[in-house]
Amino acid sequence: PQARLQVPPGSGNGFYQCDEGKPFACALLIQLRSGVHVELRGHARREDLDDVARALPLAALSAHGPPP
């Protein structure tokens, strides 16, 4: 399933990889057009992964890329 990211439209994509039937078995993978790739892996619920993603500066990273 697709994730809702706090980035400008068209600047990134995120999706979940979940083990169906196990609510605490998801990962969130994010790819930004700036070249930044983020993987939140482990055993988590989608809601928990969304909380972590909201705390990341994804909008800034989508505009400028990673710091040197």
C-alpha atoms as a PDB file:
ATOM      1  CA  PRO A   1       0.000   0.000   0.000  1.00  0.00           C
ATOM      2  CA  GLN A   2       1.077   3.571  -0.681  1.00  0.00           C
ATOM      3  CA  ALA A   3       2.105   5.865   2.171  1.00  0.00           C
ATOM      4  CA  ARG A   4       1.067   9.495   2.493  1.00  0.00           C
ATOM      5  CA  LEU A   5       4.246  11.536   2.742  1.00  0.00           C
ATOM      6  CA  GLN A   6       4.624  15.159   3.729  1.00  0.00           C
ATOM      7  CA  VAL A   7       6.446  16.168   0.537  1.00  0.00           C
ATOM      8  CA  PRO A   8       5.428  18.326  -2.430  1.00  0.00           C
ATOM      9  CA  PRO A   9       3.370  16.470  -5.062  1.00  0.00           C
ATOM     10  CA  GLY A  10       5.504  14.445  -7.448  1.00  0.00           C
ATOM     11  CA  SER A  11       8.669  14.731  -5.363  1.00  0.00           C
ATOM     12  CA  GLY A  12       8.576  11.327  -3.696  1.00  0.00           C
ATOM     13  CA  ASN A  13       6.897   8.008  -3.184  1.00  0.00           C
ATOM     14  CA  GLY A  14       6.510   5.765  -0.187  1.00  0.00           C
ATOM     15  CA  PHE A  15       5.017   2.346   0.291  1.00  0.00           C
ATOM     16  CA  TYR A  16       4.631  -0.261   2.975  1.00  0.00           C
ATOM     17  CA  GLN A  17       5.865  -3.833   2.910  1.00  0.00           C
ATOM     18  CA  CYS A  18       3.770  -5.814   5.359  1.00  0.00           C
ATOM     19  CA  ASP A  19       3.439  -9.454   6.291  1.00  0.00           C
ATOM     20  CA  GLU A  20      -0.310  -9.899   5.898  1.00  0.00           C
ATOM     21  CA  GLY A  21      -2.069 -11.037   9.007  1.00  0.00           C
ATOM     22  CA  LYS A  22       0.635  -9.670  11.302  1.00  0.00           C
ATOM     23  CA  PRO A  23      -0.122  -6.094  12.425  1.00  0.00           C
ATOM     24  CA  PHE A  24       3.403  -5.522  13.770  1.00  0.00           C
ATOM     25  CA  ALA A  25       5.271  -6.706  10.692  1.00  0.00           C
ATOM     26  CA  CYS A  26       5.549  -3.688   8.391  1.00  0.00           C
ATOM     27  CA  ALA A  27       8.368  -1.663   6.852  1.00  0.00           C
ATOM     28  CA  LEU A  28       8.127   1.726   5.106  1.00  0.00           C
ATOM     29  CA  LEU A  29      10.257   2.435   2.044  1.00  0.00           C
ATOM     30  CA  ILE A  30      10.584   6.001   0.743  1.00  0.00           C
ATOM     31  CA  GLN A  31      12.229   7.201  -2.464  1.00  0.00           C
ATOM     32  CA  LEU A  32      12.573  10.929  -3.167  1.00  0.00           C
ATOM     33  CA  ARG A  33      13.293  12.409  -6.591  1.00  0.00           C
ATOM     34  CA  SER A  34      16.289  14.194  -5.058  1.00  0.00           C
ATOM     35  CA  GLY A  35      17.941  10.776  -4.737  1.00  0.00           C
ATOM     36  CA  VAL A  36      17.300  10.209  -1.034  1.00  0.00           C
ATOM     37  CA  HIS A  37      16.188   6.694  -0.151  1.00  0.00           C
ATOM     38  CA  VAL A  38      14.870   5.908   3.335  1.00  0.00           C
ATOM     39  CA  GLU A  39      13.989   2.470   4.665  1.00  0.00           C
ATOM     40  CA  LEU A  40      12.247   2.110   8.010  1.00  0.00           C
ATOM     41  CA  ARG A  41      12.526  -1.595   8.682  1.00  0.00           C
ATOM     42  CA  GLY A  42      11.654  -3.708  11.631  1.00  0.00           C
ATOM     43  CA  HIS A  43       8.496  -5.022  13.142  1.00  0.00           C
ATOM     44  CA  ALA A  44       6.126  -2.075  13.398  1.00  0.00           C
ATOM     45  CA  ARG A  45       2.567  -1.046  12.677  1.00  0.00           C
ATOM     46  CA  ARG A  46       1.907   1.311   9.767  1.00  0.00           C
ATOM     47  CA  GLU A  47       0.735   3.976  12.218  1.00  0.00           C
ATOM     48  CA  ASP A  48       4.054   3.821  14.076  1.00  0.00           C
ATOM     49  CA  LEU A  49       6.008   4.075  10.831  1.00  0.00           C
ATOM     50  CA  ASP A  50       3.901   7.088   9.828  1.00  0.00           C
ATOM     51  CA  ASP A  51       4.804   8.768  13.142  1.00  0.00           C
ATOM     52  CA  VAL A  52       8.508   8.258  12.468  1.00  0.00           C
ATOM     53  CA  ALA A  53       8.208   9.477   8.858  1.00  0.00           C
ATOM     54  CA  ARG A  54       6.426  12.664  10.018  1.00  0.00           C
ATOM     55  CA  ALA A  55       9.399  13.412  12.285  1.00  0.00           C
ATOM     56  CA  LEU A  56      11.856  13.238   9.364  1.00  0.00           C
ATOM     57  CA  PRO A  57      12.660  16.362   7.274  1.00  0.00           C
ATOM     58  CA  LEU A  58      11.343  14.715   4.099  1.00  0.00           C
ATOM     59  CA  ALA A  59      10.149  17.972   2.487  1.00  0.00           C
ATOM     60  CA  ALA A  60      13.605  19.535   2.882  1.00  0.00           C
ATOM     61  CA  LEU A  61      15.341  16.379   1.680  1.00  0.00           C
ATOM     62  CA  SER A  62      13.045  16.195  -1.338  1.00  0.00           C
ATOM     63  CA  ALA A  63      14.066  19.716  -2.351  1.00  0.00           C
ATOM     64  CA  HIS A  64      17.793  19.587  -1.647  1.00  0.00           C
ATOM     65  CA  GLY A  65      18.910  16.016  -1.206  1.00  0.00           C
ATOM     66  CA  PRO A  66      21.056  14.736   1.640  1.00  0.00           C
ATOM     67  CA  PRO A  67      23.629  16.977   3.320  1.00  0.00           C
ATOM     68  CA  PRO A  68      27.176  16.619   2.010  1.00  0.00           C
END
